[in-house]
N, C-alpha and C. Protein backbone atom coordinates (compact mmCIF):
# COMPACT_ATOMS: atom_id res chain seq x y z
N MET A 1 -83.05 -84.34 0.68
CA MET A 1 -83.69 -83.34 -0.14
C MET A 1 -83.65 -83.81 -1.60
N SER A 2 -84.77 -83.85 -2.23
CA SER A 2 -84.80 -84.27 -3.63
C SER A 2 -84.78 -83.04 -4.54
N LEU A 3 -84.11 -83.20 -5.66
CA LEU A 3 -84.03 -82.12 -6.63
C LEU A 3 -85.18 -82.21 -7.61
N PRO A 4 -85.58 -81.08 -8.15
CA PRO A 4 -86.61 -81.14 -9.19
C PRO A 4 -86.10 -81.95 -10.39
N TYR A 5 -87.03 -82.50 -11.13
CA TYR A 5 -86.68 -83.37 -12.25
C TYR A 5 -85.81 -82.66 -13.28
N ARG A 6 -86.12 -81.42 -13.62
CA ARG A 6 -85.41 -80.73 -14.69
C ARG A 6 -83.96 -80.43 -14.32
N SER A 7 -83.66 -80.21 -13.05
CA SER A 7 -82.28 -79.92 -12.68
C SER A 7 -81.49 -81.19 -12.37
N ALA A 8 -82.19 -82.31 -12.12
CA ALA A 8 -81.49 -83.53 -11.77
C ALA A 8 -81.04 -84.31 -13.00
N ILE A 9 -81.84 -84.36 -14.02
CA ILE A 9 -81.54 -85.18 -15.19
C ILE A 9 -81.79 -84.35 -16.45
N ALA A 10 -80.81 -84.33 -17.32
CA ALA A 10 -80.98 -83.69 -18.63
C ALA A 10 -81.06 -84.80 -19.67
N THR A 11 -82.14 -84.85 -20.39
CA THR A 11 -82.29 -85.91 -21.38
C THR A 11 -81.49 -85.59 -22.62
N THR A 12 -80.95 -86.62 -23.24
CA THR A 12 -80.17 -86.42 -24.46
C THR A 12 -81.07 -86.30 -25.68
N ASP A 13 -82.34 -86.69 -25.56
CA ASP A 13 -83.27 -86.59 -26.67
C ASP A 13 -83.98 -85.24 -26.71
N ASP A 14 -83.54 -84.32 -25.89
CA ASP A 14 -84.17 -83.01 -25.81
C ASP A 14 -83.92 -82.24 -27.11
N PRO A 15 -84.97 -81.89 -27.87
CA PRO A 15 -84.75 -81.16 -29.13
C PRO A 15 -84.21 -79.76 -28.90
N ALA A 16 -84.36 -79.20 -27.71
CA ALA A 16 -83.85 -77.86 -27.45
C ALA A 16 -82.35 -77.85 -27.18
N ALA A 17 -81.73 -79.02 -27.07
CA ALA A 17 -80.31 -79.07 -26.75
C ALA A 17 -79.44 -78.51 -27.87
N ASP A 18 -79.85 -78.69 -29.13
CA ASP A 18 -79.07 -78.19 -30.25
C ASP A 18 -79.62 -76.89 -30.83
N ARG A 19 -80.67 -76.37 -30.27
CA ARG A 19 -81.29 -75.15 -30.76
C ARG A 19 -80.44 -73.94 -30.33
N PRO A 20 -80.33 -72.91 -31.16
CA PRO A 20 -79.58 -71.73 -30.77
C PRO A 20 -80.22 -71.06 -29.55
N LEU A 21 -79.40 -70.34 -28.83
CA LEU A 21 -79.90 -69.65 -27.66
C LEU A 21 -80.84 -68.52 -28.08
N PRO A 22 -81.86 -68.21 -27.29
CA PRO A 22 -82.81 -67.17 -27.67
C PRO A 22 -82.20 -65.78 -27.55
N HIS A 23 -82.84 -64.82 -28.21
CA HIS A 23 -82.40 -63.42 -28.12
C HIS A 23 -82.88 -62.88 -26.78
N LEU A 24 -81.99 -62.80 -25.82
CA LEU A 24 -82.38 -62.33 -24.51
C LEU A 24 -82.24 -60.82 -24.38
N ASP A 25 -81.08 -60.32 -24.65
CA ASP A 25 -80.80 -58.90 -24.46
C ASP A 25 -79.94 -58.44 -25.63
N GLU A 26 -80.43 -57.47 -26.38
CA GLU A 26 -79.70 -57.05 -27.57
C GLU A 26 -78.46 -56.22 -27.25
N ASP A 27 -78.29 -55.77 -26.02
CA ASP A 27 -77.12 -54.98 -25.66
C ASP A 27 -75.98 -55.83 -25.12
N ARG A 28 -76.23 -57.09 -24.87
CA ARG A 28 -75.20 -58.00 -24.36
C ARG A 28 -74.62 -58.82 -25.49
N TRP A 29 -73.31 -59.03 -25.46
CA TRP A 29 -72.67 -59.91 -26.44
C TRP A 29 -73.01 -61.34 -26.08
N MET A 30 -73.54 -62.09 -27.05
CA MET A 30 -73.86 -63.49 -26.80
C MET A 30 -73.52 -64.33 -28.02
N ARG A 31 -73.18 -65.56 -27.74
CA ARG A 31 -72.90 -66.51 -28.81
C ARG A 31 -74.21 -67.23 -29.11
N PRO A 32 -74.71 -67.18 -30.36
CA PRO A 32 -76.02 -67.77 -30.65
C PRO A 32 -75.98 -69.29 -30.82
N TYR A 33 -74.98 -69.94 -30.27
CA TYR A 33 -74.88 -71.40 -30.32
C TYR A 33 -74.08 -71.85 -29.10
N ARG A 34 -74.20 -73.10 -28.78
CA ARG A 34 -73.47 -73.65 -27.63
C ARG A 34 -72.10 -74.15 -28.07
N PRO A 35 -71.11 -74.08 -27.19
CA PRO A 35 -69.80 -74.64 -27.54
C PRO A 35 -69.94 -76.14 -27.83
N GLY A 36 -69.21 -76.59 -28.83
CA GLY A 36 -69.32 -77.97 -29.27
C GLY A 36 -68.54 -78.95 -28.40
N PRO A 37 -68.77 -80.23 -28.61
CA PRO A 37 -68.12 -81.25 -27.79
C PRO A 37 -66.61 -81.29 -27.94
N TRP A 38 -66.09 -80.97 -29.12
CA TRP A 38 -64.64 -80.98 -29.31
C TRP A 38 -63.99 -79.85 -28.51
N ARG A 39 -64.61 -78.68 -28.50
CA ARG A 39 -64.07 -77.54 -27.75
C ARG A 39 -64.15 -77.81 -26.24
N VAL A 40 -65.26 -78.36 -25.80
CA VAL A 40 -65.43 -78.64 -24.37
C VAL A 40 -64.48 -79.74 -23.92
N ALA A 41 -64.31 -80.78 -24.73
CA ALA A 41 -63.39 -81.87 -24.37
C ALA A 41 -61.95 -81.39 -24.31
N THR A 42 -61.55 -80.54 -25.25
CA THR A 42 -60.20 -79.99 -25.22
C THR A 42 -59.99 -79.14 -23.97
N ALA A 43 -60.99 -78.33 -23.64
CA ALA A 43 -60.89 -77.51 -22.44
C ALA A 43 -60.83 -78.37 -21.18
N ALA A 44 -61.60 -79.44 -21.14
CA ALA A 44 -61.58 -80.32 -19.97
C ALA A 44 -60.23 -80.99 -19.80
N LEU A 45 -59.64 -81.45 -20.90
CA LEU A 45 -58.31 -82.06 -20.82
C LEU A 45 -57.25 -81.04 -20.39
N ALA A 46 -57.35 -79.83 -20.90
CA ALA A 46 -56.39 -78.79 -20.51
C ALA A 46 -56.53 -78.44 -19.03
N LEU A 47 -57.76 -78.37 -18.54
CA LEU A 47 -57.95 -78.08 -17.12
C LEU A 47 -57.49 -79.24 -16.24
N MET A 48 -57.61 -80.46 -16.73
CA MET A 48 -57.08 -81.61 -16.00
C MET A 48 -55.55 -81.52 -15.91
N LEU A 49 -54.91 -81.12 -17.01
CA LEU A 49 -53.46 -80.91 -17.00
C LEU A 49 -53.09 -79.82 -16.00
N ALA A 50 -53.88 -78.75 -15.97
CA ALA A 50 -53.61 -77.67 -15.02
C ALA A 50 -53.75 -78.14 -13.58
N SER A 51 -54.71 -79.03 -13.31
CA SER A 51 -54.86 -79.53 -11.94
C SER A 51 -53.66 -80.38 -11.54
N TYR A 52 -53.12 -81.17 -12.48
CA TYR A 52 -51.91 -81.94 -12.18
C TYR A 52 -50.74 -81.00 -11.91
N LEU A 53 -50.64 -79.93 -12.69
CA LEU A 53 -49.55 -78.97 -12.47
C LEU A 53 -49.69 -78.27 -11.12
N LEU A 54 -50.91 -77.93 -10.73
CA LEU A 54 -51.12 -77.30 -9.43
C LEU A 54 -50.79 -78.27 -8.29
N PHE A 55 -51.14 -79.54 -8.45
CA PHE A 55 -50.80 -80.53 -7.44
C PHE A 55 -49.29 -80.73 -7.36
N ALA A 56 -48.62 -80.73 -8.52
CA ALA A 56 -47.15 -80.84 -8.53
C ALA A 56 -46.52 -79.63 -7.85
N ALA A 57 -47.10 -78.45 -8.06
CA ALA A 57 -46.58 -77.25 -7.39
C ALA A 57 -46.74 -77.36 -5.88
N LEU A 58 -47.85 -77.92 -5.43
CA LEU A 58 -48.07 -78.11 -4.00
C LEU A 58 -47.05 -79.08 -3.41
N ILE A 59 -46.79 -80.17 -4.11
CA ILE A 59 -45.81 -81.16 -3.63
C ILE A 59 -44.42 -80.54 -3.59
N MET A 60 -44.06 -79.80 -4.64
CA MET A 60 -42.73 -79.17 -4.68
C MET A 60 -42.59 -78.12 -3.59
N ALA A 61 -43.64 -77.36 -3.34
CA ALA A 61 -43.58 -76.35 -2.28
C ALA A 61 -43.44 -77.02 -0.92
N ALA A 62 -44.13 -78.14 -0.71
CA ALA A 62 -44.02 -78.86 0.57
C ALA A 62 -42.64 -79.47 0.74
N ALA A 63 -41.99 -79.83 -0.37
CA ALA A 63 -40.65 -80.41 -0.31
C ALA A 63 -39.57 -79.35 -0.19
N GLY A 64 -39.94 -78.09 -0.36
CA GLY A 64 -38.97 -77.01 -0.20
C GLY A 64 -38.40 -76.48 -1.50
N ASP A 65 -38.83 -76.98 -2.63
CA ASP A 65 -38.34 -76.50 -3.93
C ASP A 65 -39.26 -75.38 -4.42
N THR A 66 -39.01 -74.18 -3.95
CA THR A 66 -39.89 -73.06 -4.29
C THR A 66 -39.77 -72.64 -5.75
N GLN A 67 -38.58 -72.78 -6.32
CA GLN A 67 -38.41 -72.38 -7.72
C GLN A 67 -39.21 -73.32 -8.64
N GLY A 68 -39.14 -74.61 -8.41
CA GLY A 68 -39.92 -75.57 -9.20
C GLY A 68 -41.42 -75.38 -9.00
N ALA A 69 -41.81 -75.08 -7.75
CA ALA A 69 -43.23 -74.83 -7.47
C ALA A 69 -43.72 -73.59 -8.20
N ALA A 70 -42.89 -72.56 -8.25
CA ALA A 70 -43.27 -71.33 -8.95
C ALA A 70 -43.41 -71.57 -10.45
N VAL A 71 -42.51 -72.37 -11.01
CA VAL A 71 -42.60 -72.67 -12.45
C VAL A 71 -43.88 -73.46 -12.74
N CYS A 72 -44.18 -74.47 -11.93
CA CYS A 72 -45.41 -75.25 -12.13
C CYS A 72 -46.65 -74.39 -11.96
N LEU A 73 -46.62 -73.48 -10.99
CA LEU A 73 -47.75 -72.58 -10.77
C LEU A 73 -47.94 -71.64 -11.96
N LEU A 74 -46.85 -71.13 -12.50
CA LEU A 74 -46.92 -70.24 -13.66
C LEU A 74 -47.45 -70.97 -14.89
N VAL A 75 -46.96 -72.18 -15.13
CA VAL A 75 -47.43 -72.95 -16.29
C VAL A 75 -48.91 -73.30 -16.12
N ALA A 76 -49.33 -73.65 -14.91
CA ALA A 76 -50.74 -73.95 -14.67
C ALA A 76 -51.61 -72.72 -14.92
N ALA A 77 -51.15 -71.55 -14.49
CA ALA A 77 -51.90 -70.32 -14.75
C ALA A 77 -52.00 -70.03 -16.24
N LEU A 78 -50.93 -70.28 -16.99
CA LEU A 78 -50.97 -70.09 -18.44
C LEU A 78 -51.93 -71.07 -19.11
N VAL A 79 -51.94 -72.32 -18.65
CA VAL A 79 -52.85 -73.32 -19.22
C VAL A 79 -54.30 -72.93 -18.93
N ILE A 80 -54.58 -72.47 -17.72
CA ILE A 80 -55.94 -72.07 -17.36
C ILE A 80 -56.36 -70.85 -18.19
N GLY A 81 -55.48 -69.88 -18.34
CA GLY A 81 -55.79 -68.71 -19.16
C GLY A 81 -56.04 -69.07 -20.62
N ALA A 82 -55.21 -69.95 -21.16
CA ALA A 82 -55.40 -70.39 -22.56
C ALA A 82 -56.71 -71.16 -22.72
N THR A 83 -57.07 -71.94 -21.72
CA THR A 83 -58.32 -72.69 -21.78
C THR A 83 -59.52 -71.76 -21.76
N LEU A 84 -59.48 -70.76 -20.91
CA LEU A 84 -60.59 -69.80 -20.87
C LEU A 84 -60.71 -69.05 -22.19
N ARG A 85 -59.58 -68.70 -22.79
CA ARG A 85 -59.62 -68.03 -24.09
C ARG A 85 -60.16 -68.96 -25.17
N LEU A 86 -59.79 -70.24 -25.11
CA LEU A 86 -60.28 -71.22 -26.08
C LEU A 86 -61.80 -71.34 -26.02
N LEU A 87 -62.36 -71.25 -24.82
CA LEU A 87 -63.80 -71.34 -24.68
C LEU A 87 -64.52 -70.09 -25.19
N ARG A 88 -63.82 -68.96 -25.32
CA ARG A 88 -64.42 -67.72 -25.82
C ARG A 88 -64.37 -67.60 -27.33
N VAL A 89 -63.63 -68.47 -28.01
CA VAL A 89 -63.47 -68.39 -29.46
C VAL A 89 -64.82 -68.64 -30.13
N GLY A 90 -65.14 -67.81 -31.13
CA GLY A 90 -66.37 -68.00 -31.88
C GLY A 90 -66.91 -66.68 -32.41
N VAL A 91 -68.14 -66.71 -32.85
CA VAL A 91 -68.82 -65.53 -33.36
C VAL A 91 -69.86 -65.11 -32.33
N TRP A 92 -69.82 -63.84 -31.95
CA TRP A 92 -70.72 -63.27 -30.95
C TRP A 92 -71.53 -62.17 -31.61
N VAL A 93 -72.77 -61.99 -31.18
CA VAL A 93 -73.63 -60.96 -31.74
C VAL A 93 -74.26 -60.15 -30.61
N SER A 94 -74.60 -58.92 -30.94
CA SER A 94 -75.37 -58.06 -30.04
C SER A 94 -76.04 -57.01 -30.90
N GLY A 95 -76.77 -56.11 -30.28
CA GLY A 95 -77.39 -55.02 -31.01
C GLY A 95 -76.37 -54.06 -31.58
N LYS A 96 -75.15 -54.09 -31.06
CA LYS A 96 -74.09 -53.19 -31.52
C LYS A 96 -73.41 -53.68 -32.79
N GLY A 97 -73.31 -54.99 -32.96
CA GLY A 97 -72.62 -55.51 -34.12
C GLY A 97 -72.29 -56.98 -33.99
N LEU A 98 -71.29 -57.37 -34.75
CA LEU A 98 -70.87 -58.76 -34.82
C LEU A 98 -69.42 -58.82 -34.37
N ARG A 99 -69.11 -59.74 -33.48
CA ARG A 99 -67.75 -59.87 -32.95
C ARG A 99 -67.24 -61.27 -33.26
N GLN A 100 -66.07 -61.30 -33.90
CA GLN A 100 -65.44 -62.56 -34.25
C GLN A 100 -64.21 -62.71 -33.35
N THR A 101 -64.28 -63.65 -32.42
CA THR A 101 -63.23 -63.83 -31.44
C THR A 101 -62.38 -65.03 -31.81
N GLY A 102 -61.09 -64.79 -31.99
CA GLY A 102 -60.14 -65.86 -32.24
C GLY A 102 -59.31 -66.10 -30.99
N PHE A 103 -58.36 -67.02 -31.08
CA PHE A 103 -57.54 -67.31 -29.91
C PHE A 103 -56.61 -66.14 -29.58
N PHE A 104 -56.08 -65.47 -30.62
CA PHE A 104 -55.12 -64.40 -30.39
C PHE A 104 -55.67 -63.01 -30.66
N GLY A 105 -56.87 -62.88 -31.17
CA GLY A 105 -57.39 -61.55 -31.47
C GLY A 105 -58.89 -61.55 -31.65
N THR A 106 -59.45 -60.34 -31.61
CA THR A 106 -60.88 -60.15 -31.75
C THR A 106 -61.14 -59.05 -32.76
N VAL A 107 -62.11 -59.28 -33.64
CA VAL A 107 -62.51 -58.27 -34.62
C VAL A 107 -63.99 -57.97 -34.37
N THR A 108 -64.30 -56.68 -34.16
CA THR A 108 -65.68 -56.26 -33.96
C THR A 108 -66.10 -55.40 -35.14
N VAL A 109 -67.23 -55.73 -35.74
CA VAL A 109 -67.75 -54.98 -36.88
C VAL A 109 -69.15 -54.49 -36.52
N PRO A 110 -69.37 -53.17 -36.51
CA PRO A 110 -70.74 -52.67 -36.27
C PRO A 110 -71.67 -53.13 -37.39
N TRP A 111 -72.94 -53.26 -37.08
CA TRP A 111 -73.89 -53.75 -38.08
C TRP A 111 -73.94 -52.86 -39.30
N ARG A 112 -73.74 -51.57 -39.15
CA ARG A 112 -73.81 -50.66 -40.30
C ARG A 112 -72.66 -50.89 -41.27
N LYS A 113 -71.58 -51.57 -40.83
CA LYS A 113 -70.44 -51.85 -41.70
C LYS A 113 -70.43 -53.27 -42.23
N VAL A 114 -71.46 -54.05 -41.91
CA VAL A 114 -71.56 -55.43 -42.41
C VAL A 114 -72.33 -55.39 -43.73
N ALA A 115 -71.69 -55.84 -44.82
CA ALA A 115 -72.35 -55.85 -46.13
C ALA A 115 -73.20 -57.10 -46.30
N SER A 116 -72.65 -58.26 -45.95
CA SER A 116 -73.43 -59.50 -46.11
C SER A 116 -72.95 -60.56 -45.13
N VAL A 117 -73.88 -61.42 -44.77
CA VAL A 117 -73.60 -62.60 -43.94
C VAL A 117 -74.29 -63.76 -44.64
N ARG A 118 -73.52 -64.74 -45.09
CA ARG A 118 -74.09 -65.86 -45.83
C ARG A 118 -73.24 -67.11 -45.61
N THR A 119 -73.84 -68.26 -45.89
CA THR A 119 -73.07 -69.50 -45.85
C THR A 119 -72.60 -69.81 -47.27
N ALA A 120 -71.43 -70.41 -47.37
CA ALA A 120 -70.86 -70.73 -48.67
C ALA A 120 -70.12 -72.06 -48.59
N GLN A 121 -70.15 -72.80 -49.69
CA GLN A 121 -69.35 -74.01 -49.82
C GLN A 121 -67.94 -73.59 -50.22
N GLN A 122 -66.96 -73.97 -49.43
CA GLN A 122 -65.57 -73.62 -49.71
C GLN A 122 -64.66 -74.54 -48.93
N PRO A 123 -63.36 -74.56 -49.25
CA PRO A 123 -62.44 -75.35 -48.43
C PRO A 123 -62.35 -74.76 -47.02
N VAL A 124 -62.51 -75.61 -46.02
CA VAL A 124 -62.43 -75.18 -44.62
C VAL A 124 -61.43 -76.06 -43.89
N ARG A 125 -60.86 -75.52 -42.82
CA ARG A 125 -59.89 -76.27 -42.03
C ARG A 125 -60.61 -77.14 -41.01
N VAL A 126 -60.10 -78.35 -40.81
CA VAL A 126 -60.69 -79.29 -39.85
C VAL A 126 -60.08 -79.02 -38.48
N LEU A 127 -60.92 -78.63 -37.53
CA LEU A 127 -60.51 -78.33 -36.15
C LEU A 127 -59.38 -77.30 -36.08
N GLY A 128 -59.30 -76.41 -37.05
CA GLY A 128 -58.28 -75.38 -37.06
C GLY A 128 -56.90 -75.85 -37.46
N LEU A 129 -56.77 -77.11 -37.85
CA LEU A 129 -55.49 -77.67 -38.26
C LEU A 129 -55.23 -77.35 -39.73
N PRO A 130 -54.00 -77.53 -40.22
CA PRO A 130 -53.71 -77.19 -41.62
C PRO A 130 -54.49 -77.99 -42.66
N ARG A 131 -54.99 -79.16 -42.31
CA ARG A 131 -55.72 -79.98 -43.28
C ARG A 131 -57.05 -79.30 -43.60
N SER A 132 -57.36 -79.21 -44.89
CA SER A 132 -58.64 -78.60 -45.28
C SER A 132 -59.46 -79.58 -46.11
N VAL A 133 -60.77 -79.46 -45.98
CA VAL A 133 -61.72 -80.27 -46.71
C VAL A 133 -62.81 -79.35 -47.25
N GLN A 134 -63.62 -79.88 -48.14
CA GLN A 134 -64.75 -79.09 -48.65
C GLN A 134 -65.83 -79.07 -47.59
N GLY A 135 -66.32 -77.88 -47.26
CA GLY A 135 -67.35 -77.76 -46.24
C GLY A 135 -68.06 -76.44 -46.35
N GLN A 136 -68.87 -76.15 -45.34
CA GLN A 136 -69.61 -74.89 -45.30
C GLN A 136 -68.94 -73.95 -44.33
N ALA A 137 -69.00 -72.66 -44.66
CA ALA A 137 -68.47 -71.63 -43.78
C ALA A 137 -69.43 -70.46 -43.77
N LEU A 138 -69.49 -69.77 -42.65
CA LEU A 138 -70.25 -68.53 -42.56
C LEU A 138 -69.32 -67.42 -43.01
N VAL A 139 -69.65 -66.80 -44.15
CA VAL A 139 -68.80 -65.75 -44.73
C VAL A 139 -69.41 -64.40 -44.37
N ILE A 140 -68.62 -63.59 -43.66
CA ILE A 140 -69.05 -62.26 -43.26
C ILE A 140 -68.24 -61.26 -44.06
N THR A 141 -68.92 -60.42 -44.84
CA THR A 141 -68.25 -59.45 -45.69
C THR A 141 -68.54 -58.05 -45.17
N ARG A 142 -67.48 -57.26 -45.01
CA ARG A 142 -67.64 -55.87 -44.59
C ARG A 142 -67.98 -55.02 -45.81
N LYS A 143 -68.52 -53.84 -45.56
CA LYS A 143 -68.73 -52.90 -46.66
C LYS A 143 -67.37 -52.50 -47.17
N GLY A 144 -67.21 -52.46 -48.45
CA GLY A 144 -65.91 -52.23 -49.05
C GLY A 144 -65.36 -53.52 -49.63
N GLY A 145 -66.05 -54.64 -49.37
CA GLY A 145 -65.70 -55.88 -50.02
C GLY A 145 -64.75 -56.81 -49.30
N GLU A 146 -64.15 -56.40 -48.18
CA GLU A 146 -63.20 -57.29 -47.53
C GLU A 146 -63.91 -58.27 -46.58
N PRO A 147 -63.74 -59.57 -46.81
CA PRO A 147 -64.38 -60.57 -45.94
C PRO A 147 -63.54 -60.82 -44.69
N LEU A 148 -64.22 -61.18 -43.61
CA LEU A 148 -63.52 -61.62 -42.41
C LEU A 148 -63.08 -63.06 -42.62
N ARG A 149 -62.06 -63.47 -41.87
CA ARG A 149 -61.62 -64.86 -41.93
C ARG A 149 -62.75 -65.75 -41.42
N PRO A 150 -63.07 -66.84 -42.13
CA PRO A 150 -64.18 -67.69 -41.69
C PRO A 150 -63.88 -68.34 -40.33
N GLN A 151 -64.59 -67.93 -39.32
CA GLN A 151 -64.41 -68.46 -37.96
C GLN A 151 -65.41 -69.59 -37.70
N LEU A 152 -66.55 -69.50 -38.34
CA LEU A 152 -67.63 -70.45 -38.10
C LEU A 152 -67.75 -71.37 -39.31
N THR A 153 -67.32 -72.63 -39.14
CA THR A 153 -67.41 -73.61 -40.22
C THR A 153 -68.05 -74.89 -39.68
N ASP A 154 -68.45 -75.75 -40.59
CA ASP A 154 -69.06 -77.01 -40.14
C ASP A 154 -68.01 -78.05 -39.75
N HIS A 155 -66.73 -77.68 -39.80
CA HIS A 155 -65.65 -78.58 -39.39
C HIS A 155 -64.80 -77.98 -38.27
N ASN A 156 -65.29 -76.94 -37.57
CA ASN A 156 -64.52 -76.41 -36.46
C ASN A 156 -64.89 -77.15 -35.17
N ALA A 157 -64.31 -76.74 -34.06
CA ALA A 157 -64.48 -77.47 -32.80
C ALA A 157 -65.90 -77.40 -32.26
N ASP A 158 -66.71 -76.47 -32.75
CA ASP A 158 -68.08 -76.37 -32.28
C ASP A 158 -69.06 -77.21 -33.08
N PHE A 159 -68.74 -77.49 -34.35
CA PHE A 159 -69.74 -78.11 -35.21
C PHE A 159 -69.28 -79.36 -35.94
N LEU A 160 -68.12 -79.90 -35.64
CA LEU A 160 -67.65 -81.11 -36.31
C LEU A 160 -68.61 -82.26 -35.98
N GLY A 161 -69.24 -82.80 -37.01
CA GLY A 161 -70.20 -83.88 -36.81
C GLY A 161 -71.59 -83.41 -36.41
N ARG A 162 -71.82 -82.11 -36.38
CA ARG A 162 -73.12 -81.55 -35.98
C ARG A 162 -73.58 -80.56 -37.05
N VAL A 163 -73.89 -81.05 -38.23
CA VAL A 163 -74.23 -80.19 -39.36
C VAL A 163 -75.52 -79.40 -39.08
N GLU A 164 -76.50 -80.03 -38.43
CA GLU A 164 -77.76 -79.34 -38.14
C GLU A 164 -77.52 -78.18 -37.18
N ALA A 165 -76.65 -78.37 -36.21
CA ALA A 165 -76.34 -77.29 -35.27
C ALA A 165 -75.65 -76.14 -35.99
N PHE A 166 -74.77 -76.46 -36.95
CA PHE A 166 -74.13 -75.40 -37.74
C PHE A 166 -75.18 -74.62 -38.53
N ASP A 167 -76.11 -75.33 -39.16
CA ASP A 167 -77.16 -74.66 -39.95
C ASP A 167 -78.00 -73.74 -39.07
N MET A 168 -78.36 -74.20 -37.87
CA MET A 168 -79.16 -73.36 -36.98
C MET A 168 -78.38 -72.14 -36.50
N ALA A 169 -77.09 -72.32 -36.18
CA ALA A 169 -76.28 -71.19 -35.73
C ALA A 169 -76.08 -70.18 -36.86
N ALA A 170 -75.80 -70.67 -38.07
CA ALA A 170 -75.63 -69.77 -39.21
C ALA A 170 -76.93 -69.03 -39.50
N ASP A 171 -78.06 -69.72 -39.41
CA ASP A 171 -79.35 -69.06 -39.63
C ASP A 171 -79.61 -68.00 -38.56
N ALA A 172 -79.24 -68.29 -37.32
CA ALA A 172 -79.43 -67.31 -36.25
C ALA A 172 -78.58 -66.06 -36.48
N ILE A 173 -77.34 -66.24 -36.88
CA ILE A 173 -76.46 -65.09 -37.12
C ILE A 173 -76.94 -64.32 -38.35
N GLU A 174 -77.36 -65.03 -39.40
CA GLU A 174 -77.91 -64.36 -40.58
C GLU A 174 -79.18 -63.60 -40.21
N GLY A 175 -79.98 -64.14 -39.31
CA GLY A 175 -81.19 -63.45 -38.85
C GLY A 175 -80.87 -62.17 -38.10
N TRP A 176 -79.86 -62.23 -37.23
CA TRP A 176 -79.42 -61.02 -36.53
C TRP A 176 -78.97 -59.97 -37.54
N ALA A 177 -78.20 -60.41 -38.53
CA ALA A 177 -77.69 -59.46 -39.53
C ALA A 177 -78.82 -58.85 -40.34
N ALA A 178 -79.79 -59.66 -40.75
CA ALA A 178 -80.91 -59.13 -41.53
C ALA A 178 -81.77 -58.17 -40.70
N GLU A 179 -81.90 -58.46 -39.42
CA GLU A 179 -82.73 -57.63 -38.55
C GLU A 179 -82.07 -56.31 -38.18
N LEU A 180 -80.77 -56.32 -37.97
CA LEU A 180 -80.10 -55.14 -37.41
C LEU A 180 -79.23 -54.37 -38.39
N ARG A 181 -79.08 -54.84 -39.61
CA ARG A 181 -78.26 -54.13 -40.59
C ARG A 181 -78.97 -52.92 -41.12
């Protein structure tokens, strides 16, 4: 059985690969950009570690060491849970508002409480590490003047080395804000 061309091979020269996702449903929370290669690679390595831990748990259980197998199983479950949470980190939009998801917490701001959404040149952290460099960040300010912590930068795991993708994602989020505020 042969597969259709579009499902069998994805070309790397496809201009739609870096384009933001279209507005499908305004009631669903969606990320207007694709997860970046750094985030996906980190998740893949973490899931590979989890598979080794699960295999170690299987070997320990077969050898009769149930306590060691339980510890390996628990650590593998924690790694899988942390990986899934890592893949959810980012800025999400819907008709209801703007949601900024971090690793340990989520902040949801209804559109009526968003004062401004803009890009700004400022010091940003590289891949979330303590080192900071000059870069662009999407600054979201609530009414009342308090800004949210910049989650979307051109040096985070989604956009490091992909400045055009950052610009398109920031434009998409700014478009949502202009349309629904």
